[in-house]
């Protein structure tokens, strides 16, 4: 997933805010996080990767397995979006998300969509300031170790995708290879 000898971890742990991790058992390594250094808390940034192209007006979206998406979540790409109404995880290769009526979302296969503040999908709800170091069980009182720097991150090998907006806020402390 990355060259782990280049990883720098922040001192001390961060309490994991699990309020947006409904139905999630664990968060994997290199999951994008938003850190609050004053309160020493971390919150997962939720992104989904498109498994099949979607056009505006379509209410069915196929996303890659193992996403942290939840029902009621707004998703977008900065120009358009939609709201998740249901998630069908019965297919072995992808999950099918049903979007609420009249979504404007259009996206190509392999595009990464972020959790948006509204159904229009223009503004990300949160952008990453760090990445998770190890598998972390989602439970009350859980803590994470946060990565403050890593090089040669391979997006195609990540379990949880990182959006372009996350890459901007992570800055030059993180190097992504393609």
N, C-alpha and C. Protein backbone atom coordinates (compact mmCIF):
# COMPACT_ATOMS: atom_id res chain seq x y z
N UNK A 1 0.82 -1.20 0.00
CA UNK A 1 0.00 0.00 0.00
C UNK A 1 0.86 1.26 0.00
N UNK A 2 2.00 1.21 0.71
CA UNK A 2 2.97 2.31 0.69
C UNK A 2 4.30 1.76 1.17
N UNK A 3 5.35 2.57 1.08
CA UNK A 3 6.65 2.15 1.63
C UNK A 3 6.63 2.49 3.12
N UNK A 4 6.42 1.47 3.94
CA UNK A 4 6.24 1.72 5.37
C UNK A 4 7.49 2.24 6.07
N UNK A 5 8.67 2.07 5.47
CA UNK A 5 9.87 2.65 6.09
C UNK A 5 9.88 4.17 5.96
N UNK A 6 9.01 4.74 5.13
CA UNK A 6 8.93 6.20 4.98
C UNK A 6 7.86 6.81 5.89
N UNK A 7 7.15 5.97 6.63
CA UNK A 7 6.04 6.43 7.45
C UNK A 7 6.54 7.13 8.71
N UNK A 8 5.94 8.28 8.99
CA UNK A 8 6.15 9.01 10.25
C UNK A 8 4.81 9.01 10.97
N UNK A 9 4.78 8.54 12.21
CA UNK A 9 3.53 8.55 12.98
C UNK A 9 3.60 9.64 14.04
N UNK A 10 2.44 10.24 14.29
CA UNK A 10 2.36 11.26 15.34
C UNK A 10 2.49 10.61 16.72
N UNK A 11 3.09 11.34 17.66
CA UNK A 11 3.22 10.86 19.03
C UNK A 11 1.86 10.75 19.68
N UNK A 12 1.67 9.73 20.46
CA UNK A 12 0.41 9.56 21.18
C UNK A 12 -0.71 9.14 20.25
N UNK A 13 -1.78 8.67 20.82
CA UNK A 13 -2.93 8.24 20.03
C UNK A 13 -3.98 9.32 19.94
N UNK A 14 -4.98 9.05 19.13
CA UNK A 14 -6.14 9.92 18.96
C UNK A 14 -7.39 9.09 19.22
N UNK A 15 -8.32 9.63 20.00
CA UNK A 15 -9.58 8.94 20.25
C UNK A 15 -10.39 8.94 18.96
N UNK A 16 -10.87 7.78 18.56
CA UNK A 16 -11.63 7.65 17.32
C UNK A 16 -13.08 8.06 17.53
N UNK A 17 -13.53 9.04 16.76
CA UNK A 17 -14.92 9.47 16.75
C UNK A 17 -15.66 8.48 15.85
N UNK A 18 -16.56 7.70 16.42
CA UNK A 18 -17.24 6.65 15.65
C UNK A 18 -18.63 7.07 15.18
N UNK A 19 -18.98 8.34 15.34
CA UNK A 19 -20.33 8.80 15.02
C UNK A 19 -20.71 8.63 13.55
N UNK A 20 -19.74 8.60 12.64
CA UNK A 20 -20.07 8.44 11.22
C UNK A 20 -19.70 7.05 10.70
N UNK A 21 -19.46 6.11 11.59
CA UNK A 21 -19.04 4.76 11.18
C UNK A 21 -20.12 3.72 11.47
N UNK A 22 -21.35 4.01 11.08
CA UNK A 22 -22.48 3.13 11.30
C UNK A 22 -22.30 1.81 10.57
N UNK A 23 -22.37 0.71 11.29
CA UNK A 23 -22.28 -0.60 10.67
C UNK A 23 -20.87 -1.01 10.25
N UNK A 24 -19.87 -0.26 10.65
CA UNK A 24 -18.48 -0.56 10.28
C UNK A 24 -17.81 -1.28 11.45
N UNK A 25 -17.19 -2.42 11.18
CA UNK A 25 -16.53 -3.19 12.24
C UNK A 25 -15.10 -2.73 12.48
N UNK A 26 -14.37 -2.39 11.40
CA UNK A 26 -12.97 -1.98 11.50
C UNK A 26 -12.67 -0.95 10.42
N UNK A 27 -11.70 -0.07 10.71
CA UNK A 27 -11.18 0.79 9.64
C UNK A 27 -9.77 0.32 9.31
N UNK A 28 -9.46 0.23 8.02
CA UNK A 28 -8.17 -0.33 7.61
C UNK A 28 -7.03 0.68 7.64
N UNK A 29 -5.81 0.19 7.47
CA UNK A 29 -4.66 1.09 7.36
C UNK A 29 -4.83 2.04 6.17
N UNK A 30 -4.30 3.23 6.32
CA UNK A 30 -4.31 4.30 5.31
C UNK A 30 -5.70 4.86 5.03
N UNK A 31 -6.64 4.62 5.94
CA UNK A 31 -7.94 5.30 5.85
C UNK A 31 -7.69 6.77 6.12
N UNK A 32 -8.24 7.68 5.29
CA UNK A 32 -8.04 9.11 5.55
C UNK A 32 -8.75 9.53 6.85
N UNK A 33 -8.07 10.39 7.61
CA UNK A 33 -8.58 10.88 8.89
C UNK A 33 -8.51 12.40 8.97
N UNK A 34 -9.43 12.98 9.74
CA UNK A 34 -9.34 14.38 10.13
C UNK A 34 -8.95 14.38 11.60
N UNK A 35 -7.85 15.07 11.92
CA UNK A 35 -7.36 15.10 13.30
C UNK A 35 -7.68 16.43 13.96
N UNK A 36 -8.01 16.36 15.24
CA UNK A 36 -8.14 17.55 16.07
C UNK A 36 -7.04 17.41 17.12
N UNK A 37 -5.97 18.20 16.96
CA UNK A 37 -4.82 18.07 17.85
C UNK A 37 -5.10 18.59 19.26
N UNK A 38 -6.04 19.51 19.41
CA UNK A 38 -6.37 20.05 20.72
C UNK A 38 -7.15 19.02 21.54
N UNK A 39 -8.19 18.44 20.93
CA UNK A 39 -9.02 17.45 21.63
C UNK A 39 -8.46 16.03 21.51
N UNK A 40 -7.44 15.84 20.67
CA UNK A 40 -6.82 14.53 20.41
C UNK A 40 -7.86 13.53 19.91
N UNK A 41 -8.65 13.96 18.91
CA UNK A 41 -9.64 13.09 18.31
C UNK A 41 -9.35 12.91 16.82
N UNK A 42 -9.84 11.81 16.28
CA UNK A 42 -9.71 11.50 14.85
C UNK A 42 -11.06 11.05 14.34
N UNK A 43 -11.40 11.50 13.15
CA UNK A 43 -12.66 11.10 12.51
C UNK A 43 -12.33 10.61 11.11
N UNK A 44 -12.90 9.47 10.72
CA UNK A 44 -12.65 8.92 9.39
C UNK A 44 -13.30 9.80 8.32
N UNK A 45 -12.57 10.01 7.23
CA UNK A 45 -13.11 10.71 6.07
C UNK A 45 -13.70 9.64 5.16
N UNK A 46 -14.96 9.80 4.78
CA UNK A 46 -15.65 8.78 4.02
C UNK A 46 -15.64 9.09 2.53
N UNK A 47 -15.10 8.17 1.76
CA UNK A 47 -15.06 8.27 0.30
C UNK A 47 -15.54 6.94 -0.27
N UNK A 48 -16.04 6.98 -1.51
CA UNK A 48 -16.41 5.75 -2.21
C UNK A 48 -15.79 5.78 -3.60
N UNK A 49 -15.47 4.59 -4.11
CA UNK A 49 -14.89 4.47 -5.44
C UNK A 49 -15.93 3.87 -6.38
N UNK A 50 -16.15 4.51 -7.51
CA UNK A 50 -17.17 4.09 -8.48
C UNK A 50 -16.70 2.83 -9.21
N UNK A 51 -17.55 1.81 -9.22
CA UNK A 51 -17.22 0.54 -9.89
C UNK A 51 -17.72 0.49 -11.33
N UNK A 52 -18.70 1.32 -11.64
CA UNK A 52 -19.27 1.37 -13.00
C UNK A 52 -19.79 2.78 -13.26
N UNK A 53 -19.55 3.31 -14.44
CA UNK A 53 -19.94 4.67 -14.80
C UNK A 53 -21.43 4.93 -14.48
N UNK A 54 -21.71 6.13 -13.99
CA UNK A 54 -23.08 6.55 -13.72
C UNK A 54 -23.33 7.87 -14.44
N UNK A 55 -24.53 8.02 -14.97
CA UNK A 55 -24.91 9.27 -15.64
C UNK A 55 -25.95 9.99 -14.79
N UNK A 56 -26.03 11.31 -14.98
CA UNK A 56 -26.98 12.13 -14.22
C UNK A 56 -28.40 11.59 -14.41
N UNK A 57 -29.14 11.55 -13.32
CA UNK A 57 -30.52 11.07 -13.37
C UNK A 57 -30.66 9.60 -12.98
N UNK A 58 -29.57 8.85 -13.04
CA UNK A 58 -29.61 7.44 -12.66
C UNK A 58 -29.63 7.34 -11.14
N UNK A 59 -30.44 6.44 -10.62
CA UNK A 59 -30.54 6.29 -9.16
C UNK A 59 -29.78 5.07 -8.64
N UNK A 60 -29.11 4.34 -9.53
CA UNK A 60 -28.35 3.15 -9.13
C UNK A 60 -26.87 3.39 -9.39
N UNK A 61 -26.07 3.24 -8.36
CA UNK A 61 -24.63 3.46 -8.45
C UNK A 61 -23.91 2.24 -7.90
N UNK A 62 -23.00 1.68 -8.69
CA UNK A 62 -22.19 0.56 -8.24
C UNK A 62 -20.88 1.11 -7.70
N UNK A 63 -20.56 0.72 -6.45
CA UNK A 63 -19.32 1.17 -5.82
C UNK A 63 -18.50 -0.05 -5.42
N UNK A 64 -17.20 0.16 -5.25
CA UNK A 64 -16.32 -0.95 -4.87
C UNK A 64 -16.64 -1.39 -3.44
N UNK A 65 -16.40 -2.67 -3.19
CA UNK A 65 -16.68 -3.27 -1.89
C UNK A 65 -15.87 -2.60 -0.77
N UNK A 66 -16.31 -2.83 0.45
CA UNK A 66 -15.63 -2.39 1.67
C UNK A 66 -15.64 -0.89 1.90
N UNK A 67 -16.61 -0.19 1.31
CA UNK A 67 -16.67 1.26 1.56
C UNK A 67 -17.22 1.50 2.97
N UNK A 68 -17.04 2.70 3.45
CA UNK A 68 -17.55 3.08 4.77
C UNK A 68 -18.86 3.87 4.63
N UNK A 69 -19.48 3.82 3.45
CA UNK A 69 -20.71 4.58 3.16
C UNK A 69 -21.86 4.12 4.05
N UNK A 70 -22.80 5.01 4.28
CA UNK A 70 -23.98 4.70 5.10
C UNK A 70 -25.22 5.34 4.48
N UNK A 71 -26.38 4.82 4.81
CA UNK A 71 -27.64 5.34 4.31
C UNK A 71 -27.84 6.75 4.86
N UNK A 72 -28.22 7.68 3.98
CA UNK A 72 -28.40 9.08 4.35
C UNK A 72 -27.19 9.94 4.02
N UNK A 73 -26.09 9.31 3.65
CA UNK A 73 -24.85 10.04 3.32
C UNK A 73 -25.00 10.73 1.96
N UNK A 74 -24.61 12.01 1.91
CA UNK A 74 -24.54 12.75 0.65
C UNK A 74 -23.17 12.45 0.03
N UNK A 75 -23.14 12.18 -1.27
CA UNK A 75 -21.87 11.96 -1.95
C UNK A 75 -21.77 12.90 -3.15
N UNK A 76 -20.54 13.23 -3.53
CA UNK A 76 -20.36 14.13 -4.67
C UNK A 76 -18.95 14.11 -5.17
N UNK A 77 -18.75 14.88 -6.25
CA UNK A 77 -17.42 14.98 -6.85
C UNK A 77 -16.96 16.42 -7.03
N UNK A 78 -17.69 17.37 -6.45
CA UNK A 78 -17.34 18.78 -6.55
C UNK A 78 -18.22 19.54 -7.53
N UNK A 79 -18.86 18.82 -8.44
CA UNK A 79 -19.76 19.48 -9.39
C UNK A 79 -21.19 18.98 -9.30
N UNK A 80 -21.38 17.72 -8.88
CA UNK A 80 -22.73 17.18 -8.74
C UNK A 80 -22.73 16.06 -7.71
N UNK A 81 -23.94 15.62 -7.32
CA UNK A 81 -23.99 14.62 -6.27
C UNK A 81 -25.33 13.95 -6.12
N UNK A 82 -25.50 13.27 -4.99
CA UNK A 82 -26.73 12.57 -4.66
C UNK A 82 -26.70 12.13 -3.20
N UNK A 83 -27.82 11.55 -2.75
CA UNK A 83 -27.94 11.08 -1.37
C UNK A 83 -28.21 9.59 -1.38
N UNK A 84 -27.48 8.85 -0.56
CA UNK A 84 -27.64 7.40 -0.49
C UNK A 84 -28.94 7.06 0.27
N UNK A 85 -29.79 6.29 -0.40
CA UNK A 85 -31.08 5.89 0.16
C UNK A 85 -31.04 4.44 0.65
N UNK A 86 -30.22 3.61 -0.01
CA UNK A 86 -30.10 2.20 0.36
C UNK A 86 -28.76 1.67 -0.16
N UNK A 87 -28.25 0.61 0.51
CA UNK A 87 -27.01 -0.04 0.07
C UNK A 87 -27.26 -1.54 0.03
N UNK A 88 -27.06 -2.13 -1.15
CA UNK A 88 -27.21 -3.58 -1.33
C UNK A 88 -25.81 -4.18 -1.41
N UNK A 89 -25.45 -5.00 -0.44
CA UNK A 89 -24.11 -5.60 -0.38
C UNK A 89 -24.11 -7.06 -0.79
N UNK A 90 -25.16 -7.52 -1.47
CA UNK A 90 -25.29 -8.94 -1.79
C UNK A 90 -24.37 -9.41 -2.92
N UNK A 91 -23.92 -8.52 -3.79
CA UNK A 91 -23.04 -8.92 -4.89
C UNK A 91 -21.61 -9.08 -4.35
N UNK A 92 -20.91 -10.11 -4.80
CA UNK A 92 -19.55 -10.39 -4.32
C UNK A 92 -18.51 -9.41 -4.85
N UNK A 93 -18.80 -8.74 -5.99
CA UNK A 93 -17.81 -7.88 -6.63
C UNK A 93 -17.99 -6.39 -6.38
N UNK A 94 -19.18 -5.95 -6.04
CA UNK A 94 -19.45 -4.53 -5.82
C UNK A 94 -20.69 -4.37 -4.95
N UNK A 95 -20.87 -3.19 -4.39
CA UNK A 95 -22.09 -2.84 -3.67
C UNK A 95 -22.91 -1.93 -4.56
N UNK A 96 -24.22 -2.06 -4.50
CA UNK A 96 -25.10 -1.20 -5.28
C UNK A 96 -25.78 -0.21 -4.34
N UNK A 97 -25.56 1.06 -4.63
CA UNK A 97 -26.13 2.13 -3.83
C UNK A 97 -27.34 2.68 -4.59
N UNK A 98 -28.45 2.83 -3.89
CA UNK A 98 -29.63 3.48 -4.46
C UNK A 98 -29.61 4.92 -4.00
N UNK A 99 -29.66 5.83 -4.99
CA UNK A 99 -29.65 7.27 -4.68
C UNK A 99 -31.08 7.79 -4.63
N UNK A 100 -31.32 8.80 -3.80
CA UNK A 100 -32.63 9.43 -3.69
C UNK A 100 -33.04 10.02 -5.03
N UNK A 101 -34.31 10.26 -5.22
CA UNK A 101 -34.87 10.74 -6.49
C UNK A 101 -34.15 11.96 -7.05
N UNK A 102 -34.02 12.00 -8.36
CA UNK A 102 -33.43 13.11 -9.13
C UNK A 102 -32.01 13.48 -8.74
N UNK A 103 -31.10 12.51 -8.63
CA UNK A 103 -29.71 12.88 -8.35
C UNK A 103 -29.06 13.51 -9.58
N UNK A 104 -28.09 14.36 -9.36
CA UNK A 104 -27.36 14.99 -10.47
C UNK A 104 -26.02 14.31 -10.69
N UNK A 105 -25.74 13.29 -9.91
CA UNK A 105 -24.43 12.65 -9.93
C UNK A 105 -24.11 11.99 -11.26
N UNK A 106 -22.94 12.33 -11.80
CA UNK A 106 -22.38 11.68 -12.99
C UNK A 106 -20.91 11.44 -12.68
N UNK A 107 -20.45 10.22 -12.89
CA UNK A 107 -19.05 9.90 -12.58
C UNK A 107 -18.58 8.73 -13.42
N UNK A 108 -17.30 8.73 -13.73
CA UNK A 108 -16.68 7.66 -14.50
C UNK A 108 -16.26 6.52 -13.57
N UNK A 109 -16.04 5.35 -14.16
CA UNK A 109 -15.53 4.20 -13.42
C UNK A 109 -14.19 4.58 -12.77
N UNK A 110 -13.96 4.13 -11.58
CA UNK A 110 -12.76 4.38 -10.78
C UNK A 110 -12.66 5.78 -10.19
N UNK A 111 -13.64 6.63 -10.42
CA UNK A 111 -13.65 7.97 -9.80
C UNK A 111 -13.88 7.79 -8.30
N UNK A 112 -13.29 8.68 -7.51
CA UNK A 112 -13.49 8.66 -6.06
C UNK A 112 -14.43 9.81 -5.69
N UNK A 113 -15.53 9.45 -5.05
CA UNK A 113 -16.52 10.44 -4.60
C UNK A 113 -16.35 10.64 -3.10
N UNK A 114 -16.55 11.87 -2.66
CA UNK A 114 -16.39 12.18 -1.23
C UNK A 114 -17.74 12.35 -0.55
N UNK A 115 -17.74 12.27 0.78
CA UNK A 115 -18.95 12.59 1.54
C UNK A 115 -19.13 14.10 1.45
N UNK A 116 -20.30 14.52 1.00
CA UNK A 116 -20.58 15.93 0.78
C UNK A 116 -21.46 16.51 1.89
N UNK A 117 -21.45 17.84 1.99
CA UNK A 117 -22.27 18.51 2.99
C UNK A 117 -23.74 18.55 2.60
N UNK A 118 -24.04 18.42 1.30
CA UNK A 118 -25.41 18.46 0.81
C UNK A 118 -25.54 17.57 -0.43
N UNK A 119 -26.78 17.29 -0.83
CA UNK A 119 -27.03 16.39 -1.96
C UNK A 119 -26.46 16.91 -3.27
N UNK A 120 -26.22 18.21 -3.39
CA UNK A 120 -25.65 18.78 -4.62
C UNK A 120 -24.23 18.28 -4.86
N UNK A 121 -23.53 17.84 -3.82
CA UNK A 121 -22.21 17.23 -3.97
C UNK A 121 -21.08 18.18 -4.29
N UNK A 122 -21.23 19.45 -3.98
CA UNK A 122 -20.21 20.44 -4.35
C UNK A 122 -19.10 20.60 -3.31
N UNK A 123 -19.42 20.42 -2.04
CA UNK A 123 -18.46 20.67 -0.97
C UNK A 123 -18.24 19.42 -0.12
N UNK A 124 -16.98 19.07 0.09
CA UNK A 124 -16.65 17.91 0.93
C UNK A 124 -16.98 18.20 2.39
N UNK A 125 -17.56 17.24 3.08
CA UNK A 125 -17.89 17.39 4.50
C UNK A 125 -16.63 17.50 5.34
N UNK A 126 -15.60 16.76 4.93
CA UNK A 126 -14.30 16.78 5.63
C UNK A 126 -13.22 16.35 4.65
N UNK A 127 -12.02 16.84 4.88
CA UNK A 127 -10.88 16.40 4.06
C UNK A 127 -9.77 15.95 5.01
N UNK A 128 -9.00 15.01 4.55
CA UNK A 128 -8.00 14.35 5.38
C UNK A 128 -6.84 15.27 5.77
N UNK A 129 -6.37 15.08 7.01
CA UNK A 129 -5.16 15.73 7.48
C UNK A 129 -4.10 14.70 7.86
N UNK A 130 -4.52 13.41 7.87
CA UNK A 130 -3.60 12.31 8.20
C UNK A 130 -4.22 11.02 7.70
N UNK A 131 -3.49 9.92 7.87
CA UNK A 131 -3.98 8.60 7.50
C UNK A 131 -3.86 7.67 8.70
N UNK A 132 -4.72 6.65 8.74
CA UNK A 132 -4.70 5.68 9.82
C UNK A 132 -3.52 4.72 9.63
N UNK A 133 -2.88 4.33 10.72
CA UNK A 133 -1.69 3.48 10.65
C UNK A 133 -2.01 1.98 10.58
N UNK A 134 -2.98 1.50 11.34
CA UNK A 134 -3.23 0.06 11.43
C UNK A 134 -4.72 -0.24 11.48
N UNK A 135 -5.06 -1.51 11.30
CA UNK A 135 -6.46 -1.92 11.45
C UNK A 135 -6.94 -1.49 12.83
N UNK A 136 -8.11 -0.87 12.89
CA UNK A 136 -8.65 -0.37 14.15
C UNK A 136 -10.08 -0.83 14.30
N UNK A 137 -10.38 -1.53 15.39
CA UNK A 137 -11.74 -1.97 15.67
C UNK A 137 -12.59 -0.76 16.03
N UNK A 138 -13.77 -0.65 15.42
CA UNK A 138 -14.67 0.46 15.68
C UNK A 138 -15.52 0.11 16.89
N UNK A 139 -15.22 0.78 17.99
CA UNK A 139 -15.95 0.57 19.23
C UNK A 139 -15.73 1.78 20.13
N UNK A 140 -16.61 1.96 21.09
CA UNK A 140 -16.47 3.07 22.03
C UNK A 140 -15.11 2.98 22.71
N UNK A 141 -14.39 4.08 22.78
CA UNK A 141 -13.09 4.12 23.43
C UNK A 141 -11.92 3.74 22.53
N UNK A 142 -12.18 3.46 21.26
CA UNK A 142 -11.10 3.08 20.35
C UNK A 142 -10.16 4.25 20.10
N UNK A 143 -8.89 3.93 19.91
CA UNK A 143 -7.91 4.95 19.56
C UNK A 143 -7.19 4.54 18.28
N UNK A 144 -6.67 5.55 17.58
CA UNK A 144 -5.92 5.29 16.35
C UNK A 144 -4.54 5.92 16.47
N UNK A 145 -3.61 5.35 15.72
CA UNK A 145 -2.30 5.95 15.53
C UNK A 145 -2.35 6.60 14.17
N UNK A 146 -2.01 7.88 14.11
CA UNK A 146 -2.14 8.64 12.86
C UNK A 146 -0.79 8.80 12.16
N UNK A 147 -0.82 8.63 10.85
CA UNK A 147 0.37 8.83 10.02
C UNK A 147 0.43 10.29 9.60
N UNK A 148 1.56 10.92 9.86
CA UNK A 148 1.76 12.33 9.48
C UNK A 148 2.54 12.49 8.19
N UNK A 149 3.15 11.38 7.71
CA UNK A 149 3.92 11.43 6.47
C UNK A 149 4.09 10.01 5.94
N UNK A 150 3.97 9.85 4.62
CA UNK A 150 4.23 8.55 3.98
C UNK A 150 4.48 8.79 2.50
N UNK A 151 5.35 7.99 1.94
CA UNK A 151 5.70 8.12 0.53
C UNK A 151 5.35 6.85 -0.24
N UNK A 152 5.26 7.01 -1.53
CA UNK A 152 4.96 5.93 -2.46
C UNK A 152 3.68 5.18 -2.10
N UNK A 153 2.63 5.94 -1.81
CA UNK A 153 1.32 5.37 -1.55
C UNK A 153 0.71 4.98 -2.90
N UNK A 154 0.24 3.75 -3.00
CA UNK A 154 -0.33 3.26 -4.25
C UNK A 154 -1.85 3.23 -4.13
N UNK A 155 -2.53 4.24 -4.68
CA UNK A 155 -3.99 4.33 -4.56
C UNK A 155 -4.74 3.08 -5.01
N UNK A 156 -4.21 2.36 -6.00
CA UNK A 156 -4.90 1.17 -6.49
C UNK A 156 -4.89 0.03 -5.48
N UNK A 157 -4.04 0.12 -4.47
CA UNK A 157 -3.96 -0.94 -3.46
C UNK A 157 -4.65 -0.56 -2.14
N UNK A 158 -5.22 0.62 -2.08
CA UNK A 158 -5.87 1.05 -0.85
C UNK A 158 -7.23 0.39 -0.69
N UNK A 159 -7.60 0.08 0.53
CA UNK A 159 -8.92 -0.50 0.81
C UNK A 159 -9.96 0.62 0.81
N UNK A 160 -9.65 1.74 1.47
CA UNK A 160 -10.52 2.91 1.47
C UNK A 160 -9.89 3.96 0.56
N UNK A 161 -10.62 4.41 -0.46
CA UNK A 161 -10.03 5.35 -1.42
C UNK A 161 -9.77 6.74 -0.82
N UNK A 162 -8.84 7.45 -1.42
CA UNK A 162 -8.50 8.82 -1.01
C UNK A 162 -8.86 9.74 -2.18
N UNK A 163 -9.70 10.74 -1.92
CA UNK A 163 -10.15 11.65 -2.97
C UNK A 163 -9.07 12.67 -3.33
N UNK A 164 -9.26 13.32 -4.47
CA UNK A 164 -8.32 14.38 -4.88
C UNK A 164 -8.32 15.52 -3.87
N UNK A 165 -9.47 15.82 -3.27
CA UNK A 165 -9.53 16.87 -2.26
C UNK A 165 -8.71 16.48 -1.02
N UNK A 166 -8.75 15.20 -0.66
CA UNK A 166 -7.93 14.71 0.46
C UNK A 166 -6.45 14.86 0.13
N UNK A 167 -6.08 14.51 -1.08
CA UNK A 167 -4.67 14.60 -1.49
C UNK A 167 -4.17 16.04 -1.41
N UNK A 168 -5.04 17.00 -1.74
CA UNK A 168 -4.67 18.42 -1.64
C UNK A 168 -4.38 18.80 -0.18
N UNK A 169 -5.26 18.38 0.73
CA UNK A 169 -5.08 18.78 2.14
C UNK A 169 -3.98 17.98 2.84
N UNK A 170 -3.69 16.79 2.34
CA UNK A 170 -2.57 16.02 2.90
C UNK A 170 -1.24 16.67 2.51
N UNK A 171 -1.23 17.33 1.37
CA UNK A 171 -0.06 18.10 0.95
C UNK A 171 1.13 17.25 0.55
N UNK A 172 2.31 17.87 0.60
CA UNK A 172 3.52 17.20 0.14
C UNK A 172 4.12 16.26 1.19
N UNK A 173 3.46 16.12 2.32
CA UNK A 173 3.91 15.14 3.32
C UNK A 173 3.57 13.72 2.88
N UNK A 174 2.71 13.62 1.87
CA UNK A 174 2.28 12.31 1.36
C UNK A 174 2.51 12.29 -0.14
N UNK A 175 3.16 11.24 -0.63
CA UNK A 175 3.43 11.11 -2.05
C UNK A 175 2.66 9.91 -2.59
N UNK A 176 1.86 10.19 -3.63
CA UNK A 176 1.06 9.15 -4.25
C UNK A 176 1.68 8.77 -5.59
N UNK A 177 1.79 7.47 -5.84
CA UNK A 177 2.31 6.99 -7.13
C UNK A 177 1.16 6.37 -7.90
N UNK A 178 1.27 6.33 -9.19
CA UNK A 178 0.14 5.81 -10.00
C UNK A 178 0.56 4.72 -10.92
